[in-house]
Amino acid sequence: MERDWNIIRNVLLRLEEKGPEQHTLRAADFDNDPAVAYNVELLEEAGLIDARMSKQIKGPVDFFVLRLTWDGHEFLDAIRSETVWARVRKTFTSNGLSMTFDLVKALALKYATELILPSS
């Protein structure tokens, strides 16, 4: 299975929308899609979310995502804007590059900075 950046962004956005009163995201919130479970596991491994995974030999099958971590909030803030996200994806696609976490975050921050502080 592959890392899917659109799933990752969607999970982070939906988790933030939940807020503390609704507590968790579950696999059922995503129709028990194994691709979502896999990407949630990657987010947890990266330290962007606090999650509990239920696994079988074939991989993750269920999860409870409790909250975003500090790093998760920071990363989501970098990729939240649709404008920035579209530019990031286009840059990687047009250059035939793989999207790595560090490069995605660096490029998102660069584009967000350009929106805030346009070059003179």
C-alpha atoms as a PDB file:
ATOM      1  CA  MET A   1       0.000   0.000   0.000  1.00  0.00           C
ATOM      2  CA  GLU A   2       1.201   3.533  -0.700  1.00  0.00           C
ATOM      3  CA  ARG A   3       1.174   6.728   1.281  1.00  0.00           C
ATOM      4  CA  ASP A   4      -1.657   8.918  -0.010  1.00  0.00           C
ATOM      5  CA  TRP A   5      -1.180  12.627   0.656  1.00  0.00           C
ATOM      6  CA  ASN A   6      -4.814  13.477  -0.054  1.00  0.00           C
ATOM      7  CA  ILE A   7      -5.969  10.949   2.562  1.00  0.00           C
ATOM      8  CA  ILE A   8      -3.398  12.290   5.012  1.00  0.00           C
ATOM      9  CA  ARG A   9      -4.575  15.858   4.560  1.00  0.00           C
ATOM     10  CA  ASN A  10      -8.233  14.807   4.779  1.00  0.00           C
ATOM     11  CA  VAL A  11      -7.665  12.909   8.047  1.00  0.00           C
ATOM     12  CA  LEU A  12      -5.861  15.881   9.599  1.00  0.00           C
ATOM     13  CA  LEU A  13      -8.563  18.335   8.514  1.00  0.00           C
ATOM     14  CA  ARG A  14     -11.391  16.098   9.745  1.00  0.00           C
ATOM     15  CA  LEU A  15      -9.669  15.502  13.067  1.00  0.00           C
ATOM     16  CA  GLU A  16      -9.261  19.212  13.642  1.00  0.00           C
ATOM     17  CA  GLU A  17     -12.957  19.760  12.799  1.00  0.00           C
ATOM     18  CA  LYS A  18     -14.004  17.236  15.436  1.00  0.00           C
ATOM     19  CA  GLY A  19     -12.767  19.299  18.348  1.00  0.00           C
ATOM     20  CA  PRO A  20     -12.321  18.069  21.902  1.00  0.00           C
ATOM     21  CA  GLU A  21     -16.032  17.556  22.567  1.00  0.00           C
ATOM     22  CA  GLN A  22     -16.367  14.891  19.855  1.00  0.00           C
ATOM     23  CA  HIS A  23     -13.104  13.218  20.780  1.00  0.00           C
ATOM     24  CA  THR A  24     -12.161  10.724  18.098  1.00  0.00           C
ATOM     25  CA  LEU A  25     -12.133   9.724  14.491  1.00  0.00           C
ATOM     26  CA  ARG A  26     -12.704   6.058  13.824  1.00  0.00           C
ATOM     27  CA  ALA A  27     -12.252   3.767  10.856  1.00  0.00           C
ATOM     28  CA  ALA A  28     -16.047   3.703  10.474  1.00  0.00           C
ATOM     29  CA  ASP A  29     -15.939   7.461   9.795  1.00  0.00           C
ATOM     30  CA  PHE A  30     -14.078   6.543   6.594  1.00  0.00           C
ATOM     31  CA  ASP A  31     -16.178   3.487   5.634  1.00  0.00           C
ATOM     32  CA  ASN A  32     -13.471   1.210   7.094  1.00  0.00           C
ATOM     33  CA  ASP A  33     -11.277   1.927   4.073  1.00  0.00           C
ATOM     34  CA  PRO A  34      -7.976   0.005   4.484  1.00  0.00           C
ATOM     35  CA  ALA A  35      -6.090   2.789   2.663  1.00  0.00           C
ATOM     36  CA  VAL A  36      -7.236   5.277   5.299  1.00  0.00           C
ATOM     37  CA  ALA A  37      -6.244   2.906   8.119  1.00  0.00           C
ATOM     38  CA  TYR A  38      -2.800   2.505   6.569  1.00  0.00           C
ATOM     39  CA  ASN A  39      -2.299   6.265   6.251  1.00  0.00           C
ATOM     40  CA  VAL A  40      -3.549   6.840   9.806  1.00  0.00           C
ATOM     41  CA  GLU A  41      -0.905   4.378  10.950  1.00  0.00           C
ATOM     42  CA  LEU A  42       1.725   6.390   9.057  1.00  0.00           C
ATOM     43  CA  LEU A  43       0.491   9.618  10.652  1.00  0.00           C
ATOM     44  CA  GLU A  44       0.763   8.015  14.080  1.00  0.00           C
ATOM     45  CA  GLU A  45       4.273   6.713  13.333  1.00  0.00           C
ATOM     46  CA  ALA A  46       5.296  10.219  12.196  1.00  0.00           C
ATOM     47  CA  GLY A  47       4.073  11.671  15.491  1.00  0.00           C
ATOM     48  CA  LEU A  48       1.434  13.893  13.868  1.00  0.00           C
ATOM     49  CA  ILE A  49      -1.520  12.292  15.653  1.00  0.00           C
ATOM     50  CA  ASP A  50      -2.239  10.402  18.841  1.00  0.00           C
ATOM     51  CA  ALA A  51      -3.988   7.214  17.713  1.00  0.00           C
ATOM     52  CA  ARG A  52      -4.719   3.662  18.771  1.00  0.00           C
ATOM     53  CA  MET A  53      -4.473   1.036  16.060  1.00  0.00           C
ATOM     54  CA  SER A  54      -6.030  -2.397  15.893  1.00  0.00           C
ATOM     55  CA  LYS A  55      -3.899  -4.586  13.643  1.00  0.00           C
ATOM     56  CA  GLN A  56      -3.967  -7.973  12.005  1.00  0.00           C
ATOM     57  CA  ILE A  57      -1.232  -9.719  10.073  1.00  0.00           C
ATOM     58  CA  LYS A  58      -2.406  -8.007   6.885  1.00  0.00           C
ATOM     59  CA  GLY A  59      -2.069  -4.568   8.511  1.00  0.00           C
ATOM     60  CA  PRO A  60      -4.191  -2.029  10.375  1.00  0.00           C
ATOM     61  CA  VAL A  61      -7.918  -2.766  10.421  1.00  0.00           C
ATOM     62  CA  ASP A  62      -9.375  -0.292  12.893  1.00  0.00           C
ATOM     63  CA  PHE A  63      -8.274   2.877  14.611  1.00  0.00           C
ATOM     64  CA  PHE A  64      -9.217   5.598  17.034  1.00  0.00           C
ATOM     65  CA  VAL A  65      -7.570   8.945  16.427  1.00  0.00           C
ATOM     66  CA  LEU A  66      -7.649  10.948  19.636  1.00  0.00           C
ATOM     67  CA  ARG A  67      -6.030  14.228  18.668  1.00  0.00           C
ATOM     68  CA  LEU A  68      -3.489  16.118  16.632  1.00  0.00           C
ATOM     69  CA  THR A  69      -0.074  16.517  18.232  1.00  0.00           C
ATOM     70  CA  TRP A  70       1.813  19.823  18.210  1.00  0.00           C
ATOM     71  CA  ASP A  71       3.693  18.680  15.096  1.00  0.00           C
ATOM     72  CA  GLY A  72       0.390  17.604  13.549  1.00  0.00           C
ATOM     73  CA  HIS A  73      -1.059  21.083  14.049  1.00  0.00           C
ATOM     74  CA  GLU A  74       2.084  22.646  12.606  1.00  0.00           C
ATOM     75  CA  PHE A  75       2.004  20.409   9.544  1.00  0.00           C
ATOM     76  CA  LEU A  76      -1.724  20.949   8.991  1.00  0.00           C
ATOM     77  CA  ASP A  77      -1.249  24.703   9.257  1.00  0.00           C
ATOM     78  CA  ALA A  78       1.352  24.452   6.478  1.00  0.00           C
ATOM     79  CA  ILE A  79      -0.912  22.479   4.097  1.00  0.00           C
ATOM     80  CA  ARG A  80      -4.382  23.777   5.075  1.00  0.00           C
ATOM     81  CA  SER A  81      -4.804  26.379   2.317  1.00  0.00           C
ATOM     82  CA  GLU A  82      -6.313  24.923  -0.868  1.00  0.00           C
ATOM     83  CA  THR A  83      -4.151  27.346  -2.852  1.00  0.00           C
ATOM     84  CA  VAL A  84      -0.956  26.214  -1.171  1.00  0.00           C
ATOM     85  CA  TRP A  85      -1.935  22.523  -1.333  1.00  0.00           C
ATOM     86  CA  ALA A  86      -2.700  22.744  -5.067  1.00  0.00           C
ATOM     87  CA  ARG A  87       0.664  24.408  -5.734  1.00  0.00           C
ATOM     88  CA  VAL A  88       2.526  21.803  -3.698  1.00  0.00           C
ATOM     89  CA  ARG A  89       0.893  18.903  -5.563  1.00  0.00           C
ATOM     90  CA  LYS A  90       1.416  20.571  -8.944  1.00  0.00           C
ATOM     91  CA  THR A  91       5.097  21.209  -8.213  1.00  0.00           C
ATOM     92  CA  PHE A  92       5.764  17.577  -7.342  1.00  0.00           C
ATOM     93  CA  THR A  93       3.694  16.226 -10.237  1.00  0.00           C
ATOM     94  CA  SER A  94       5.167  18.522 -12.872  1.00  0.00           C
ATOM     95  CA  ASN A  95       8.709  17.700 -11.762  1.00  0.00           C
ATOM     96  CA  GLY A  96       8.098  13.957 -11.429  1.00  0.00           C
ATOM     97  CA  LEU A  97       9.195  13.949  -7.799  1.00  0.00           C
ATOM     98  CA  SER A  98       8.018  11.837  -4.881  1.00  0.00           C
ATOM     99  CA  MET A  99       6.332  13.732  -2.078  1.00  0.00           C
ATOM    100  CA  THR A 100       8.358  13.296   1.102  1.00  0.00           C
ATOM    101  CA  PHE A 101       7.174  14.714   4.414  1.00  0.00           C
ATOM    102  CA  ASP A 102      10.061  17.155   4.786  1.00  0.00           C
ATOM    103  CA  LEU A 103       9.786  18.395   1.190  1.00  0.00           C
ATOM    104  CA  VAL A 104       5.994  18.764   1.358  1.00  0.00           C
ATOM    105  CA  LYS A 105       6.240  20.802   4.543  1.00  0.00           C
ATOM    106  CA  ALA A 106       9.138  22.938   3.259  1.00  0.00           C
ATOM    107  CA  LEU A 107       7.392  23.685  -0.026  1.00  0.00           C
ATOM    108  CA  ALA A 108       4.067  24.428   1.688  1.00  0.00           C
ATOM    109  CA  LEU A 109       5.801  26.854   4.044  1.00  0.00           C
ATOM    110  CA  LYS A 110       7.574  28.494   1.101  1.00  0.00           C
ATOM    111  CA  TYR A 111       4.322  28.996  -0.825  1.00  0.00           C
ATOM    112  CA  ALA A 112       2.458  30.224   2.254  1.00  0.00           C
ATOM    113  CA  THR A 113       5.248  32.709   2.930  1.00  0.00           C
ATOM    114  CA  GLU A 114       5.017  33.947  -0.659  1.00  0.00           C
ATOM    115  CA  LEU A 115       1.278  34.582  -0.164  1.00  0.00           C
ATOM    116  CA  ILE A 116       1.938  36.539   3.017  1.00  0.00           C
ATOM    117  CA  LEU A 117       5.117  38.330   1.925  1.00  0.00           C
ATOM    118  CA  PRO A 118       5.065  38.678  -1.852  1.00  0.00           C
ATOM    119  CA  SER A 119       8.466  39.435  -3.364  1.00  0.00           C
ATOM    120  CA  SER A 120       8.963  43.041  -4.390  1.00  0.00           C
END
